[in-house]
């Protein structure tokens, strides 16, 4: 799903009281709030959906799969998403039904 498709779906869910342009501002505002919170090292919890947070990844030594040479991977901070139990169950039902994740299967 693209951002434009998300905006369209949200606009349809809200109904005729909001334009797609206004809905796009709401979606952009939400995404910017998530980016800003993660940029400050804060997490965001959306009950029934999941949690966005940052995770510290320590430095490690990996291997180049082509040559087998060791490669130093520096420590970094990464954004992560942990789905809620409700969302995991909903995706598991999709898997059990045999549908493809993209919906075109």
C-alpha atoms as a PDB file:
ATOM      1  CA  UNK A   1       0.000   0.000   0.000  1.00  0.00           C
ATOM      2  CA  UNK A   2       1.341   3.396  -0.941  1.00  0.00           C
ATOM      3  CA  UNK A   3       0.893   6.578   1.060  1.00  0.00           C
ATOM      4  CA  UNK A   4      -1.661   7.804  -1.503  1.00  0.00           C
ATOM      5  CA  UNK A   5      -3.650   4.574  -1.107  1.00  0.00           C
ATOM      6  CA  UNK A   6      -3.493   4.967   2.676  1.00  0.00           C
ATOM      7  CA  UNK A   7      -4.799   8.531   2.419  1.00  0.00           C
ATOM      8  CA  UNK A   8      -7.637   7.349   0.180  1.00  0.00           C
ATOM      9  CA  UNK A   9      -8.591   4.518   2.535  1.00  0.00           C
ATOM     10  CA  UNK A  10      -8.538   6.792   5.592  1.00  0.00           C
ATOM     11  CA  UNK A  11     -10.622   9.413   3.773  1.00  0.00           C
ATOM     12  CA  UNK A  12     -13.203   6.736   2.896  1.00  0.00           C
ATOM     13  CA  UNK A  13     -13.262   5.536   6.522  1.00  0.00           C
ATOM     14  CA  UNK A  14     -13.899   9.069   7.831  1.00  0.00           C
ATOM     15  CA  UNK A  15     -16.614   9.777   5.295  1.00  0.00           C
ATOM     16  CA  UNK A  16     -17.701  12.850   3.349  1.00  0.00           C
ATOM     17  CA  UNK A  17     -16.713  15.319   6.090  1.00  0.00           C
ATOM     18  CA  UNK A  18     -13.057  15.490   4.994  1.00  0.00           C
ATOM     19  CA  UNK A  19     -11.298  15.947   1.678  1.00  0.00           C
ATOM     20  CA  UNK A  20      -8.423  13.785   0.514  1.00  0.00           C
ATOM     21  CA  UNK A  21      -6.169  16.841   0.740  1.00  0.00           C
ATOM     22  CA  UNK A  22      -7.116  17.363   4.393  1.00  0.00           C
ATOM     23  CA  UNK A  23      -6.724  13.657   5.050  1.00  0.00           C
ATOM     24  CA  UNK A  24      -3.244  13.759   3.496  1.00  0.00           C
ATOM     25  CA  UNK A  25      -2.326  16.486   6.006  1.00  0.00           C
ATOM     26  CA  UNK A  26      -3.520  14.262   8.861  1.00  0.00           C
ATOM     27  CA  UNK A  27      -1.543  11.255   7.593  1.00  0.00           C
ATOM     28  CA  UNK A  28       1.558  13.444   7.075  1.00  0.00           C
ATOM     29  CA  UNK A  29       1.118  14.862  10.581  1.00  0.00           C
ATOM     30  CA  UNK A  30       0.957  11.378  12.077  1.00  0.00           C
ATOM     31  CA  UNK A  31       4.024  10.168  10.180  1.00  0.00           C
ATOM     32  CA  UNK A  32       5.973  13.304  11.144  1.00  0.00           C
ATOM     33  CA  UNK A  33       5.015  12.827  14.812  1.00  0.00           C
ATOM     34  CA  UNK A  34       6.336   9.249  14.671  1.00  0.00           C
ATOM     35  CA  UNK A  35       9.585  10.397  13.006  1.00  0.00           C
ATOM     36  CA  UNK A  36      10.112  13.196  15.519  1.00  0.00           C
ATOM     37  CA  UNK A  37       9.455  10.951  18.526  1.00  0.00           C
ATOM     38  CA  UNK A  38      11.838   8.285  17.246  1.00  0.00           C
ATOM     39  CA  UNK A  39      14.405  10.968  16.399  1.00  0.00           C
ATOM     40  CA  UNK A  40      14.334  12.043  20.056  1.00  0.00           C
ATOM     41  CA  UNK A  41      14.697   8.427  21.197  1.00  0.00           C
ATOM     42  CA  UNK A  42      11.086   8.182  22.385  1.00  0.00           C
ATOM     43  CA  UNK A  43       8.701   5.371  21.554  1.00  0.00           C
ATOM     44  CA  UNK A  44       5.089   5.480  20.427  1.00  0.00           C
ATOM     45  CA  UNK A  45       2.541   2.897  21.574  1.00  0.00           C
ATOM     46  CA  UNK A  46      -0.705   2.513  19.653  1.00  0.00           C
ATOM     47  CA  UNK A  47      -2.901   0.022  21.498  1.00  0.00           C
ATOM     48  CA  UNK A  48      -4.256  -2.714  19.261  1.00  0.00           C
ATOM     49  CA  UNK A  49      -1.691  -1.887  16.564  1.00  0.00           C
ATOM     50  CA  UNK A  50       1.848  -1.921  17.933  1.00  0.00           C
ATOM     51  CA  UNK A  51       4.824  -0.009  19.257  1.00  0.00           C
ATOM     52  CA  UNK A  52       7.411   2.057  17.409  1.00  0.00           C
ATOM     53  CA  UNK A  53      10.712   2.509  19.255  1.00  0.00           C
ATOM     54  CA  UNK A  54      14.443   2.787  18.741  1.00  0.00           C
ATOM     55  CA  UNK A  55      16.824  -0.037  19.525  1.00  0.00           C
ATOM     56  CA  UNK A  56      20.564   0.118  20.117  1.00  0.00           C
ATOM     57  CA  UNK A  57      22.452  -2.369  17.964  1.00  0.00           C
ATOM     58  CA  UNK A  58      25.934  -3.111  19.266  1.00  0.00           C
ATOM     59  CA  UNK A  59      29.007  -3.245  17.052  1.00  0.00           C
ATOM     60  CA  UNK A  60      29.806  -6.671  15.650  1.00  0.00           C
ATOM     61  CA  UNK A  61      31.908  -8.510  13.133  1.00  0.00           C
ATOM     62  CA  UNK A  62      30.019  -9.920  10.134  1.00  0.00           C
ATOM     63  CA  UNK A  63      31.222 -11.783   7.054  1.00  0.00           C
ATOM     64  CA  UNK A  64      31.081 -10.720   3.440  1.00  0.00           C
ATOM     65  CA  UNK A  65      28.984 -13.509   1.895  1.00  0.00           C
ATOM     66  CA  UNK A  66      30.861 -13.359  -1.410  1.00  0.00           C
ATOM     67  CA  UNK A  67      34.437 -13.401  -0.116  1.00  0.00           C
ATOM     68  CA  UNK A  68      34.019 -14.678   3.451  1.00  0.00           C
ATOM     69  CA  UNK A  69      36.143 -11.771   4.732  1.00  0.00           C
ATOM     70  CA  UNK A  70      35.288 -10.357   8.155  1.00  0.00           C
ATOM     71  CA  UNK A  71      33.624  -6.941   8.048  1.00  0.00           C
ATOM     72  CA  UNK A  72      33.290  -4.593  11.035  1.00  0.00           C
ATOM     73  CA  UNK A  73      29.699  -3.389  11.454  1.00  0.00           C
ATOM     74  CA  UNK A  74      29.586  -0.275  13.666  1.00  0.00           C
ATOM     75  CA  UNK A  75      27.116   0.227  16.510  1.00  0.00           C
ATOM     76  CA  UNK A  76      23.964   2.040  15.499  1.00  0.00           C
ATOM     77  CA  UNK A  77      20.472   2.940  16.588  1.00  0.00           C
ATOM     78  CA  UNK A  78      17.623   1.538  14.475  1.00  0.00           C
ATOM     79  CA  UNK A  79      13.894   2.196  14.436  1.00  0.00           C
ATOM     80  CA  UNK A  80      11.860  -0.959  15.116  1.00  0.00           C
ATOM     81  CA  UNK A  81       8.167  -1.822  15.088  1.00  0.00           C
ATOM     82  CA  UNK A  82       6.681  -4.464  17.353  1.00  0.00           C
ATOM     83  CA  UNK A  83       3.145  -5.446  16.353  1.00  0.00           C
ATOM     84  CA  UNK A  84       0.491  -5.882  19.027  1.00  0.00           C
ATOM     85  CA  UNK A  85      -0.938  -9.285  19.837  1.00  0.00           C
ATOM     86  CA  UNK A  86      -4.161  -8.272  18.080  1.00  0.00           C
ATOM     87  CA  UNK A  87      -2.315  -7.357  14.866  1.00  0.00           C
ATOM     88  CA  UNK A  88      -0.236 -10.559  14.951  1.00  0.00           C
ATOM     89  CA  UNK A  89      -3.428 -12.636  15.314  1.00  0.00           C
ATOM     90  CA  UNK A  90      -5.068 -10.791  12.419  1.00  0.00           C
ATOM     91  CA  UNK A  91      -2.056 -11.492  10.175  1.00  0.00           C
ATOM     92  CA  UNK A  92      -2.007 -15.137  11.329  1.00  0.00           C
ATOM     93  CA  UNK A  93      -5.667 -15.473  10.269  1.00  0.00           C
ATOM     94  CA  UNK A  94      -4.674 -14.147   6.846  1.00  0.00           C
ATOM     95  CA  UNK A  95      -1.963 -16.801   6.679  1.00  0.00           C
ATOM     96  CA  UNK A  96      -4.380 -19.545   7.786  1.00  0.00           C
ATOM     97  CA  UNK A  97      -6.901 -18.530   5.117  1.00  0.00           C
ATOM     98  CA  UNK A  98      -4.286 -19.061   2.390  1.00  0.00           C
ATOM     99  CA  UNK A  99      -4.537 -15.493   1.084  1.00  0.00           C
ATOM    100  CA  UNK A 100      -1.398 -13.808  -0.179  1.00  0.00           C
ATOM    101  CA  UNK A 101      -0.199 -10.820   1.887  1.00  0.00           C
ATOM    102  CA  UNK A 102      -0.524  -8.427  -1.068  1.00  0.00           C
ATOM    103  CA  UNK A 103      -4.170  -9.332  -1.560  1.00  0.00           C
ATOM    104  CA  UNK A 104      -3.604 -10.233  -5.227  1.00  0.00           C
ATOM    105  CA  UNK A 105      -3.133 -13.944  -4.667  1.00  0.00           C
END
